[in-house]
Full PDB file with SEQRES, HELIX, SHEET, SSBOND, CRYST1, ORIGX, SCALE, CONECT and MASTER records, all heavy atoms in Angstrom:
SEQRES   1 A   37  LYS ALA LEU ILE PRO ASN ALA GLN ILE PHE SER TRP LYS          
SEQRES   2 A   37  ASN LYS SER SER GLU PHE SER ASN GLY ARG VAL HIS ALA          
SEQRES   3 A   37  LYS VAL ILE ILE ALA ASP SER ASN THR CYS PHE                  
HELIX    1 AA1 SER A   17  PHE A   19  5                                   3    
SHEET    1 AA1 2 ILE A  30  ALA A  31  0                                        
SHEET    2 AA1 2 THR A  35  CYS A  36 -1                                        
CRYST1    1.000    1.000    1.000  90.00  90.00  90.00 P 1           1          
ORIGX1      1.000000  0.000000  0.000000        0.00000                         
ORIGX2      0.000000  1.000000  0.000000        0.00000                         
ORIGX3      0.000000  0.000000  1.000000        0.00000                         
SCALE1      1.000000  0.000000  0.000000        0.00000                         
SCALE2      0.000000  1.000000  0.000000        0.00000                         
SCALE3      0.000000  0.000000  1.000000        0.00000                         
ATOM      1  N   LYS A   1       5.834  -7.150   9.301  1.00  0.00           N  
ATOM      2  CA  LYS A   1       4.833  -7.416  10.358  1.00  0.00           C  
ATOM      3  C   LYS A   1       5.573  -7.758  11.687  1.00  0.00           C  
ATOM      4  O   LYS A   1       5.141  -7.362  12.739  1.00  0.00           O  
ATOM      5  CB  LYS A   1       3.918  -8.555   9.948  1.00  0.00           C  
ATOM      6  CG  LYS A   1       2.903  -8.135   8.900  1.00  0.00           C  
ATOM      7  CD  LYS A   1       2.025  -9.275   8.533  1.00  0.00           C  
ATOM      8  CE  LYS A   1       1.031  -9.620   9.573  1.00  0.00           C  
ATOM      9  NZ  LYS A   1       0.078 -10.617   9.240  1.00  0.00           N  
ATOM     10  N   ALA A   2       6.726  -8.446  11.556  1.00  0.00           N  
ATOM     11  CA  ALA A   2       7.443  -8.828  12.759  1.00  0.00           C  
ATOM     12  C   ALA A   2       8.187  -7.618  13.319  1.00  0.00           C  
ATOM     13  O   ALA A   2       8.301  -7.423  14.522  1.00  0.00           O  
ATOM     14  CB  ALA A   2       8.457  -9.977  12.428  1.00  0.00           C  
ATOM     15  N   LEU A   3       8.702  -6.798  12.398  1.00  0.00           N  
ATOM     16  CA  LEU A   3       9.451  -5.572  12.817  1.00  0.00           C  
ATOM     17  C   LEU A   3       8.552  -4.465  13.373  1.00  0.00           C  
ATOM     18  O   LEU A   3       8.873  -3.725  14.252  1.00  0.00           O  
ATOM     19  CB  LEU A   3      10.319  -5.010  11.681  1.00  0.00           C  
ATOM     20  CG  LEU A   3      11.460  -5.903  11.192  1.00  0.00           C  
ATOM     21  CD1 LEU A   3      12.037  -5.360   9.906  1.00  0.00           C  
ATOM     22  CD2 LEU A   3      12.526  -5.932  12.303  1.00  0.00           C  
ATOM     23  N   ILE A   4       7.323  -4.326  12.786  1.00  0.00           N  
ATOM     24  CA  ILE A   4       6.369  -3.295  13.207  1.00  0.00           C  
ATOM     25  C   ILE A   4       5.040  -4.008  13.505  1.00  0.00           C  
ATOM     26  O   ILE A   4       4.131  -3.885  12.744  1.00  0.00           O  
ATOM     27  CB  ILE A   4       6.191  -2.216  12.153  1.00  0.00           C  
ATOM     28  CG1 ILE A   4       7.548  -1.763  11.553  1.00  0.00           C  
ATOM     29  CG2 ILE A   4       5.500  -1.004  12.689  1.00  0.00           C  
ATOM     30  CD1 ILE A   4       7.451  -0.858  10.387  1.00  0.00           C  
ATOM     31  N   PRO A   5       4.996  -4.726  14.617  1.00  0.00           N  
ATOM     32  CA  PRO A   5       3.784  -5.594  14.837  1.00  0.00           C  
ATOM     33  C   PRO A   5       2.464  -4.842  14.959  1.00  0.00           C  
ATOM     34  O   PRO A   5       1.381  -5.454  14.734  1.00  0.00           O  
ATOM     35  CB  PRO A   5       4.130  -6.248  16.183  1.00  0.00           C  
ATOM     36  CG  PRO A   5       5.197  -5.458  16.794  1.00  0.00           C  
ATOM     37  CD  PRO A   5       5.965  -4.798  15.660  1.00  0.00           C  
ATOM     38  N   ASN A   6       2.465  -3.529  15.328  1.00  0.00           N  
ATOM     39  CA  ASN A   6       1.238  -2.834  15.448  1.00  0.00           C  
ATOM     40  C   ASN A   6       0.791  -1.999  14.227  1.00  0.00           C  
ATOM     41  O   ASN A   6      -0.153  -1.273  14.226  1.00  0.00           O  
ATOM     42  CB  ASN A   6       1.296  -1.870  16.627  1.00  0.00           C  
ATOM     43  CG  ASN A   6       1.374  -2.605  17.965  1.00  0.00           C  
ATOM     44  OD1 ASN A   6       0.618  -3.520  18.179  1.00  0.00           O  
ATOM     45  ND2 ASN A   6       2.323  -2.289  18.817  1.00  0.00           N  
ATOM     46  N   ALA A   7       1.578  -2.222  13.135  1.00  0.00           N  
ATOM     47  CA  ALA A   7       1.201  -1.523  11.886  1.00  0.00           C  
ATOM     48  C   ALA A   7       0.087  -2.364  11.178  1.00  0.00           C  
ATOM     49  O   ALA A   7       0.020  -3.559  11.292  1.00  0.00           O  
ATOM     50  CB  ALA A   7       2.399  -1.389  10.939  1.00  0.00           C  
ATOM     51  N   GLN A   8      -0.773  -1.640  10.485  1.00  0.00           N  
ATOM     52  CA  GLN A   8      -1.790  -2.305   9.670  1.00  0.00           C  
ATOM     53  C   GLN A   8      -1.252  -2.471   8.281  1.00  0.00           C  
ATOM     54  O   GLN A   8      -1.014  -1.445   7.553  1.00  0.00           O  
ATOM     55  CB  GLN A   8      -3.069  -1.422   9.638  1.00  0.00           C  
ATOM     56  CG  GLN A   8      -3.663  -1.149  11.015  1.00  0.00           C  
ATOM     57  CD  GLN A   8      -4.854  -0.154  10.957  1.00  0.00           C  
ATOM     58  OE1 GLN A   8      -5.189   0.316   9.882  1.00  0.00           O  
ATOM     59  NE2 GLN A   8      -5.387   0.098  12.136  1.00  0.00           N  
ATOM     60  N   ILE A   9      -1.017  -3.638   7.788  1.00  0.00           N  
ATOM     61  CA  ILE A   9      -0.379  -3.883   6.515  1.00  0.00           C  
ATOM     62  C   ILE A   9      -1.383  -4.439   5.551  1.00  0.00           C  
ATOM     63  O   ILE A   9      -2.095  -5.409   5.814  1.00  0.00           O  
ATOM     64  CB  ILE A   9       0.887  -4.804   6.660  1.00  0.00           C  
ATOM     65  CG1 ILE A   9       1.832  -4.206   7.585  1.00  0.00           C  
ATOM     66  CG2 ILE A   9       1.466  -5.087   5.250  1.00  0.00           C  
ATOM     67  CD1 ILE A   9       3.154  -4.928   7.718  1.00  0.00           C  
ATOM     68  N   PHE A  10      -1.415  -3.874   4.334  1.00  0.00           N  
ATOM     69  CA  PHE A  10      -2.342  -4.284   3.309  1.00  0.00           C  
ATOM     70  C   PHE A  10      -1.597  -4.717   2.027  1.00  0.00           C  
ATOM     71  O   PHE A  10      -0.423  -4.398   1.800  1.00  0.00           O  
ATOM     72  CB  PHE A  10      -3.310  -3.119   2.909  1.00  0.00           C  
ATOM     73  CG  PHE A  10      -4.283  -2.745   4.001  1.00  0.00           C  
ATOM     74  CD1 PHE A  10      -3.891  -2.073   5.093  1.00  0.00           C  
ATOM     75  CD2 PHE A  10      -5.628  -3.146   3.840  1.00  0.00           C  
ATOM     76  CE1 PHE A  10      -4.857  -1.751   6.082  1.00  0.00           C  
ATOM     77  CE2 PHE A  10      -6.556  -2.800   4.860  1.00  0.00           C  
ATOM     78  CZ  PHE A  10      -6.108  -2.118   5.982  1.00  0.00           C  
ATOM     79  N   SER A  11      -2.303  -5.532   1.219  1.00  0.00           N  
ATOM     80  CA  SER A  11      -1.798  -5.918  -0.041  1.00  0.00           C  
ATOM     81  C   SER A  11      -2.864  -5.807  -1.113  1.00  0.00           C  
ATOM     82  O   SER A  11      -4.038  -5.693  -0.833  1.00  0.00           O  
ATOM     83  CB  SER A  11      -1.244  -7.356  -0.065  1.00  0.00           C  
ATOM     84  OG  SER A  11      -2.300  -8.310   0.180  1.00  0.00           O  
ATOM     85  N   TRP A  12      -2.445  -5.862  -2.373  1.00  0.00           N  
ATOM     86  CA  TRP A  12      -3.377  -5.744  -3.495  1.00  0.00           C  
ATOM     87  C   TRP A  12      -3.545  -7.070  -4.199  1.00  0.00           C  
ATOM     88  O   TRP A  12      -2.918  -7.480  -5.166  1.00  0.00           O  
ATOM     89  CB  TRP A  12      -2.766  -4.724  -4.514  1.00  0.00           C  
ATOM     90  CG  TRP A  12      -3.704  -4.390  -5.656  1.00  0.00           C  
ATOM     91  CD1 TRP A  12      -5.061  -4.479  -5.709  1.00  0.00           C  
ATOM     92  CD2 TRP A  12      -3.258  -3.908  -6.966  1.00  0.00           C  
ATOM     93  NE1 TRP A  12      -5.537  -4.064  -6.931  1.00  0.00           N  
ATOM     94  CE2 TRP A  12      -4.489  -3.684  -7.695  1.00  0.00           C  
ATOM     95  CE3 TRP A  12      -2.035  -3.613  -7.520  1.00  0.00           C  
ATOM     96  CZ2 TRP A  12      -4.405  -3.222  -9.013  1.00  0.00           C  
ATOM     97  CZ3 TRP A  12      -1.996  -3.130  -8.841  1.00  0.00           C  
ATOM     98  CH2 TRP A  12      -3.158  -2.936  -9.551  1.00  0.00           C  
ATOM     99  N   LYS A  13      -4.558  -7.813  -3.668  1.00  0.00           N  
ATOM    100  CA  LYS A  13      -4.894  -9.147  -4.181  1.00  0.00           C  
ATOM    101  C   LYS A  13      -6.082  -9.174  -5.088  1.00  0.00           C  
ATOM    102  O   LYS A  13      -6.133  -9.925  -6.010  1.00  0.00           O  
ATOM    103  CB  LYS A  13      -5.113 -10.148  -3.004  1.00  0.00           C  
ATOM    104  CG  LYS A  13      -3.867 -10.477  -2.160  1.00  0.00           C  
ATOM    105  CD  LYS A  13      -4.202 -11.469  -1.139  1.00  0.00           C  
ATOM    106  CE  LYS A  13      -3.004 -11.856  -0.269  1.00  0.00           C  
ATOM    107  NZ  LYS A  13      -3.328 -12.815   0.812  1.00  0.00           N  
ATOM    108  N   ASN A  14      -7.082  -8.302  -4.711  1.00  0.00           N  
ATOM    109  CA  ASN A  14      -8.310  -8.316  -5.460  1.00  0.00           C  
ATOM    110  C   ASN A  14      -8.208  -7.373  -6.725  1.00  0.00           C  
ATOM    111  O   ASN A  14      -8.687  -6.301  -6.772  1.00  0.00           O  
ATOM    112  CB  ASN A  14      -9.504  -7.829  -4.588  1.00  0.00           C  
ATOM    113  CG  ASN A  14      -9.649  -8.709  -3.384  1.00  0.00           C  
ATOM    114  OD1 ASN A  14      -9.353  -9.915  -3.464  1.00  0.00           O  
ATOM    115  ND2 ASN A  14     -10.106  -8.151  -2.240  1.00  0.00           N  
ATOM    116  N   LYS A  15      -7.560  -7.926  -7.739  1.00  0.00           N  
ATOM    117  CA  LYS A  15      -7.347  -7.163  -8.921  1.00  0.00           C  
ATOM    118  C   LYS A  15      -8.331  -7.520 -10.021  1.00  0.00           C  
ATOM    119  O   LYS A  15      -8.585  -8.732 -10.297  1.00  0.00           O  
ATOM    120  CB  LYS A  15      -5.945  -7.444  -9.519  1.00  0.00           C  
ATOM    121  CG  LYS A  15      -4.810  -7.118  -8.502  1.00  0.00           C  
ATOM    122  CD  LYS A  15      -3.448  -7.615  -9.043  1.00  0.00           C  
ATOM    123  CE  LYS A  15      -2.421  -7.405  -8.001  1.00  0.00           C  
ATOM    124  NZ  LYS A  15      -1.099  -7.936  -8.411  1.00  0.00           N  
ATOM    125  N   SER A  16      -8.939  -6.533 -10.587  1.00  0.00           N  
ATOM    126  CA  SER A  16      -9.854  -6.705 -11.705  1.00  0.00           C  
ATOM    127  C   SER A  16      -9.064  -7.134 -12.900  1.00  0.00           C  
ATOM    128  O   SER A  16      -7.788  -7.003 -12.931  1.00  0.00           O  
ATOM    129  CB  SER A  16     -10.671  -5.428 -12.017  1.00  0.00           C  
ATOM    130  OG  SER A  16      -9.805  -4.362 -12.337  1.00  0.00           O  
ATOM    131  N   SER A  17      -9.713  -7.611 -13.962  1.00  0.00           N  
ATOM    132  CA  SER A  17      -9.003  -8.106 -15.131  1.00  0.00           C  
ATOM    133  C   SER A  17      -8.088  -7.050 -15.770  1.00  0.00           C  
ATOM    134  O   SER A  17      -7.064  -7.350 -16.327  1.00  0.00           O  
ATOM    135  CB  SER A  17     -10.018  -8.636 -16.189  1.00  0.00           C  
ATOM    136  OG  SER A  17     -10.912  -7.625 -16.509  1.00  0.00           O  
ATOM    137  N   GLU A  18      -8.479  -5.835 -15.720  1.00  0.00           N  
ATOM    138  CA  GLU A  18      -7.722  -4.795 -16.401  1.00  0.00           C  
ATOM    139  C   GLU A  18      -6.413  -4.562 -15.683  1.00  0.00           C  
ATOM    140  O   GLU A  18      -5.453  -3.982 -16.227  1.00  0.00           O  
ATOM    141  CB  GLU A  18      -8.492  -3.498 -16.510  1.00  0.00           C  
ATOM    142  CG  GLU A  18      -8.885  -2.840 -15.127  1.00  0.00           C  
ATOM    143  CD  GLU A  18      -9.592  -1.565 -15.298  1.00  0.00           C  
ATOM    144  OE1 GLU A  18      -9.213  -0.707 -16.141  1.00  0.00           O  
ATOM    145  OE2 GLU A  18     -10.666  -1.402 -14.543  1.00  0.00           O  
ATOM    146  N   PHE A  19      -6.330  -4.989 -14.412  1.00  0.00           N  
ATOM    147  CA  PHE A  19      -5.077  -4.798 -13.601  1.00  0.00           C  
ATOM    148  C   PHE A  19      -4.424  -6.158 -13.275  1.00  0.00           C  
ATOM    149  O   PHE A  19      -3.511  -6.170 -12.416  1.00  0.00           O  
ATOM    150  CB  PHE A  19      -5.372  -4.065 -12.288  1.00  0.00           C  
ATOM    151  CG  PHE A  19      -5.901  -2.635 -12.490  1.00  0.00           C  
ATOM    152  CD1 PHE A  19      -7.148  -2.308 -12.163  1.00  0.00           C  
ATOM    153  CD2 PHE A  19      -5.031  -1.686 -13.026  1.00  0.00           C  
ATOM    154  CE1 PHE A  19      -7.635  -1.004 -12.364  1.00  0.00           C  
ATOM    155  CE2 PHE A  19      -5.511  -0.390 -13.230  1.00  0.00           C  
ATOM    156  CZ  PHE A  19      -6.789  -0.028 -12.867  1.00  0.00           C  
ATOM    157  N   SER A  20      -4.761  -7.182 -13.983  1.00  0.00           N  
ATOM    158  CA  SER A  20      -4.141  -8.519 -13.681  1.00  0.00           C  
ATOM    159  C   SER A  20      -2.602  -8.349 -13.919  1.00  0.00           C  
ATOM    160  O   SER A  20      -2.188  -7.692 -14.884  1.00  0.00           O  
ATOM    161  CB  SER A  20      -4.743  -9.567 -14.628  1.00  0.00           C  
ATOM    162  OG  SER A  20      -4.514  -9.219 -15.986  1.00  0.00           O  
ATOM    163  N   ASN A  21      -1.876  -8.933 -13.049  1.00  0.00           N  
ATOM    164  CA  ASN A  21      -0.439  -8.904 -13.093  1.00  0.00           C  
ATOM    165  C   ASN A  21       0.098  -7.488 -12.702  1.00  0.00           C  
ATOM    166  O   ASN A  21       1.282  -7.209 -12.941  1.00  0.00           O  
ATOM    167  CB  ASN A  21       0.186  -9.356 -14.396  1.00  0.00           C  
ATOM    168  CG  ASN A  21      -0.182 -10.763 -14.714  1.00  0.00           C  
ATOM    169  OD1 ASN A  21      -0.102 -11.642 -13.820  1.00  0.00           O  
ATOM    170  ND2 ASN A  21      -0.557 -11.039 -15.985  1.00  0.00           N  
ATOM    171  N   GLY A  22      -0.761  -6.567 -12.262  1.00  0.00           N  
ATOM    172  CA  GLY A  22      -0.308  -5.281 -11.826  1.00  0.00           C  
ATOM    173  C   GLY A  22       0.452  -5.343 -10.535  1.00  0.00           C  
ATOM    174  O   GLY A  22       0.303  -6.303  -9.773  1.00  0.00           O  
ATOM    175  N   ARG A  23       1.190  -4.306 -10.229  1.00  0.00           N  
ATOM    176  CA  ARG A  23       2.013  -4.325  -8.982  1.00  0.00           C  
ATOM    177  C   ARG A  23       1.839  -3.034  -8.205  1.00  0.00           C  
ATOM    178  O   ARG A  23       1.428  -2.037  -8.759  1.00  0.00           O  
ATOM    179  CB  ARG A  23       3.480  -4.486  -9.406  1.00  0.00           C  
ATOM    180  CG  ARG A  23       3.799  -5.731 -10.210  1.00  0.00           C  
ATOM    181  CD  ARG A  23       5.260  -5.754 -10.598  1.00  0.00           C  
ATOM    182  NE  ARG A  23       5.611  -6.945 -11.391  1.00  0.00           N  
ATOM    183  CZ  ARG A  23       6.794  -7.298 -11.843  1.00  0.00           C  
ATOM    184  NH1 ARG A  23       7.798  -6.456 -11.596  1.00  0.00           N  
ATOM    185  NH2 ARG A  23       6.948  -8.381 -12.524  1.00  0.00           N  
ATOM    186  N   VAL A  24       2.113  -3.163  -6.935  1.00  0.00           N  
ATOM    187  CA  VAL A  24       2.082  -1.929  -6.096  1.00  0.00           C  
ATOM    188  C   VAL A  24       3.377  -1.230  -6.288  1.00  0.00           C  
ATOM    189  O   VAL A  24       4.432  -1.557  -5.733  1.00  0.00           O  
ATOM    190  CB  VAL A  24       1.939  -2.285  -4.610  1.00  0.00           C  
ATOM    191  CG1 VAL A  24       2.065  -1.052  -3.700  1.00  0.00           C  
ATOM    192  CG2 VAL A  24       0.668  -3.048  -4.336  1.00  0.00           C  
ATOM    193  N   HIS A  25       3.427  -0.303  -7.246  1.00  0.00           N  
ATOM    194  CA  HIS A  25       4.667   0.405  -7.583  1.00  0.00           C  
ATOM    195  C   HIS A  25       4.795   1.786  -7.052  1.00  0.00           C  
ATOM    196  O   HIS A  25       5.821   2.482  -7.230  1.00  0.00           O  
ATOM    197  CB  HIS A  25       4.899   0.385  -9.124  1.00  0.00           C  
ATOM    198  CG  HIS A  25       6.257   0.136  -9.510  1.00  0.00           C  
ATOM    199  ND1 HIS A  25       7.097   1.145  -9.964  1.00  0.00           N  
ATOM    200  CD2 HIS A  25       6.950  -1.064  -9.591  1.00  0.00           C  
ATOM    201  CE1 HIS A  25       8.287   0.610 -10.294  1.00  0.00           C  
ATOM    202  NE2 HIS A  25       8.222  -0.674 -10.049  1.00  0.00           N  
ATOM    203  N   ALA A  26       3.713   2.323  -6.423  1.00  0.00           N  
ATOM    204  CA  ALA A  26       3.764   3.655  -5.908  1.00  0.00           C  
ATOM    205  C   ALA A  26       4.597   3.701  -4.592  1.00  0.00           C  
ATOM    206  O   ALA A  26       4.591   2.770  -3.805  1.00  0.00           O  
ATOM    207  CB  ALA A  26       2.281   4.163  -5.585  1.00  0.00           C  
ATOM    208  N   LYS A  27       5.325   4.789  -4.452  1.00  0.00           N  
ATOM    209  CA  LYS A  27       6.124   5.031  -3.251  1.00  0.00           C  
ATOM    210  C   LYS A  27       5.689   6.347  -2.664  1.00  0.00           C  
ATOM    211  O   LYS A  27       6.096   7.414  -3.138  1.00  0.00           O  
ATOM    212  CB  LYS A  27       7.605   5.029  -3.497  1.00  0.00           C  
ATOM    213  CG  LYS A  27       8.187   3.714  -4.051  1.00  0.00           C  
ATOM    214  CD  LYS A  27       8.202   3.679  -5.557  1.00  0.00           C  
ATOM    215  CE  LYS A  27       8.842   2.379  -6.065  1.00  0.00           C  
ATOM    216  NZ  LYS A  27       8.869   2.314  -7.543  1.00  0.00           N  
ATOM    217  N   VAL A  28       4.876   6.262  -1.625  1.00  0.00           N  
ATOM    218  CA  VAL A  28       4.218   7.443  -1.016  1.00  0.00           C  
ATOM    219  C   VAL A  28       4.133   7.285   0.457  1.00  0.00           C  
ATOM    220  O   VAL A  28       3.976   6.189   0.984  1.00  0.00           O  
ATOM    221  CB  VAL A  28       2.770   7.566  -1.646  1.00  0.00           C  
ATOM    222  CG1 VAL A  28       1.999   8.726  -0.892  1.00  0.00           C  
ATOM    223  CG2 VAL A  28       2.806   7.787  -3.150  1.00  0.00           C  
ATOM    224  N   ILE A  29       4.350   8.396   1.159  1.00  0.00           N  
ATOM    225  CA  ILE A  29       4.011   8.418   2.608  1.00  0.00           C  
ATOM    226  C   ILE A  29       3.170   9.679   2.870  1.00  0.00           C  
ATOM    227  O   ILE A  29       3.515  10.774   2.366  1.00  0.00           O  
ATOM    228  CB  ILE A  29       5.253   8.411   3.475  1.00  0.00           C  
ATOM    229  CG1 ILE A  29       4.896   8.461   4.961  1.00  0.00           C  
ATOM    230  CG2 ILE A  29       6.261   9.506   3.125  1.00  0.00           C  
ATOM    231  CD1 ILE A  29       6.082   8.166   5.914  1.00  0.00           C  
ATOM    232  N   ILE A  30       2.078   9.523   3.562  1.00  0.00           N  
ATOM    233  CA  ILE A  30       1.172  10.608   3.857  1.00  0.00           C  
ATOM    234  C   ILE A  30       1.030  10.689   5.353  1.00  0.00           C  
ATOM    235  O   ILE A  30       0.691   9.715   6.044  1.00  0.00           O  
ATOM    236  CB  ILE A  30      -0.224  10.386   3.244  1.00  0.00           C  
ATOM    237  CG1 ILE A  30      -0.076  10.120   1.735  1.00  0.00           C  
ATOM    238  CG2 ILE A  30      -1.066  11.648   3.426  1.00  0.00           C  
ATOM    239  CD1 ILE A  30      -1.262   9.376   1.195  1.00  0.00           C  
ATOM    240  N   ALA A  31       1.173  11.883   5.934  1.00  0.00           N  
ATOM    241  CA  ALA A  31       1.001  12.083   7.366  1.00  0.00           C  
ATOM    242  C   ALA A  31      -0.124  13.098   7.658  1.00  0.00           C  
ATOM    243  O   ALA A  31      -0.147  14.202   7.137  1.00  0.00           O  
ATOM    244  CB  ALA A  31       2.312  12.670   7.949  1.00  0.00           C  
ATOM    245  N   ASP A  32      -1.099  12.583   8.433  1.00  0.00           N  
ATOM    246  CA  ASP A  32      -2.195  13.422   8.949  1.00  0.00           C  
ATOM    247  C   ASP A  32      -2.956  14.134   7.791  1.00  0.00           C  
ATOM    248  O   ASP A  32      -3.550  15.229   8.084  1.00  0.00           O  
ATOM    249  CB  ASP A  32      -1.635  14.489   9.901  1.00  0.00           C  
ATOM    250  CG  ASP A  32      -0.942  13.823  11.087  1.00  0.00           C  
ATOM    251  OD1 ASP A  32      -1.383  12.806  11.512  1.00  0.00           O  
ATOM    252  OD2 ASP A  32       0.046  14.461  11.592  1.00  0.00           O  
ATOM    253  N   SER A  33      -2.937  13.602   6.632  1.00  0.00           N  
ATOM    254  CA  SER A  33      -3.648  14.180   5.483  1.00  0.00           C  
ATOM    255  C   SER A  33      -3.227  15.566   5.130  1.00  0.00           C  
ATOM    256  O   SER A  33      -3.887  16.261   4.313  1.00  0.00           O  
ATOM    257  CB  SER A  33      -5.164  14.272   5.804  1.00  0.00           C  
ATOM    258  OG  SER A  33      -5.692  12.936   5.855  1.00  0.00           O  
ATOM    259  N   ASN A  34      -2.064  16.041   5.697  1.00  0.00           N  
ATOM    260  CA  ASN A  34      -1.620  17.389   5.309  1.00  0.00           C  
ATOM    261  C   ASN A  34      -0.201  17.452   4.760  1.00  0.00           C  
ATOM    262  O   ASN A  34       0.326  18.479   4.390  1.00  0.00           O  
ATOM    263  CB  ASN A  34      -1.779  18.394   6.440  1.00  0.00           C  
ATOM    264  CG  ASN A  34      -1.005  18.012   7.662  1.00  0.00           C  
ATOM    265  OD1 ASN A  34      -0.017  17.272   7.588  1.00  0.00           O  
ATOM    266  ND2 ASN A  34      -1.447  18.463   8.847  1.00  0.00           N  
ATOM    267  N   THR A  35       0.542  16.280   4.812  1.00  0.00           N  
ATOM    268  CA  THR A  35       1.892  16.236   4.300  1.00  0.00           C  
ATOM    269  C   THR A  35       1.990  14.937   3.499  1.00  0.00           C  
ATOM    270  O   THR A  35       1.596  13.906   3.969  1.00  0.00           O  
ATOM    271  CB  THR A  35       2.917  16.250   5.376  1.00  0.00           C  
ATOM    272  OG1 THR A  35       2.739  17.497   6.170  1.00  0.00           O  
ATOM    273  CG2 THR A  35       4.328  16.239   4.859  1.00  0.00           C  
ATOM    274  N   CYS A  36       2.623  14.955   2.301  1.00  0.00           N  
ATOM    275  CA  CYS A  36       2.861  13.727   1.567  1.00  0.00           C  
ATOM    276  C   CYS A  36       4.193  13.852   0.876  1.00  0.00           C  
ATOM    277  O   CYS A  36       4.624  14.927   0.452  1.00  0.00           O  
ATOM    278  CB  CYS A  36       1.735  13.417   0.593  1.00  0.00           C  
ATOM    279  SG  CYS A  36       1.625  14.395  -0.884  1.00  0.00           S  
ATOM    280  N   PHE A  37       4.858  12.712   0.803  1.00  0.00           N  
ATOM    281  CA  PHE A  37       6.122  12.586   0.128  1.00  0.00           C  
ATOM    282  C   PHE A  37       5.958  11.535  -0.982  1.00  0.00           C  
ATOM    283  O   PHE A  37       5.660  10.389  -0.772  1.00  0.00           O  
ATOM    284  CB  PHE A  37       7.207  12.115   1.109  1.00  0.00           C  
ATOM    285  CG  PHE A  37       8.568  11.904   0.534  1.00  0.00           C  
ATOM    286  CD1 PHE A  37       9.035  12.647  -0.478  1.00  0.00           C  
ATOM    287  CD2 PHE A  37       9.425  10.942   1.067  1.00  0.00           C  
ATOM    288  CE1 PHE A  37      10.337  12.529  -1.022  1.00  0.00           C  
ATOM    289  CE2 PHE A  37      10.697  10.747   0.611  1.00  0.00           C  
ATOM    290  CZ  PHE A  37      11.151  11.511  -0.452  1.00  0.00           C  
TER     291      PHE A  37                                                      
MASTER        0    0    0    1    2    0    0    6  290    1    0    3          
END                                                                             
């Protein structure tokens, strides 16, 4: 947030019971809905 102050940063806090202790493990970047890595 300090390095990229204008970025919108989200986290996964609201986890249902089936995902308790789950982690954000996906590594993805999507640009303009037409390119993804």
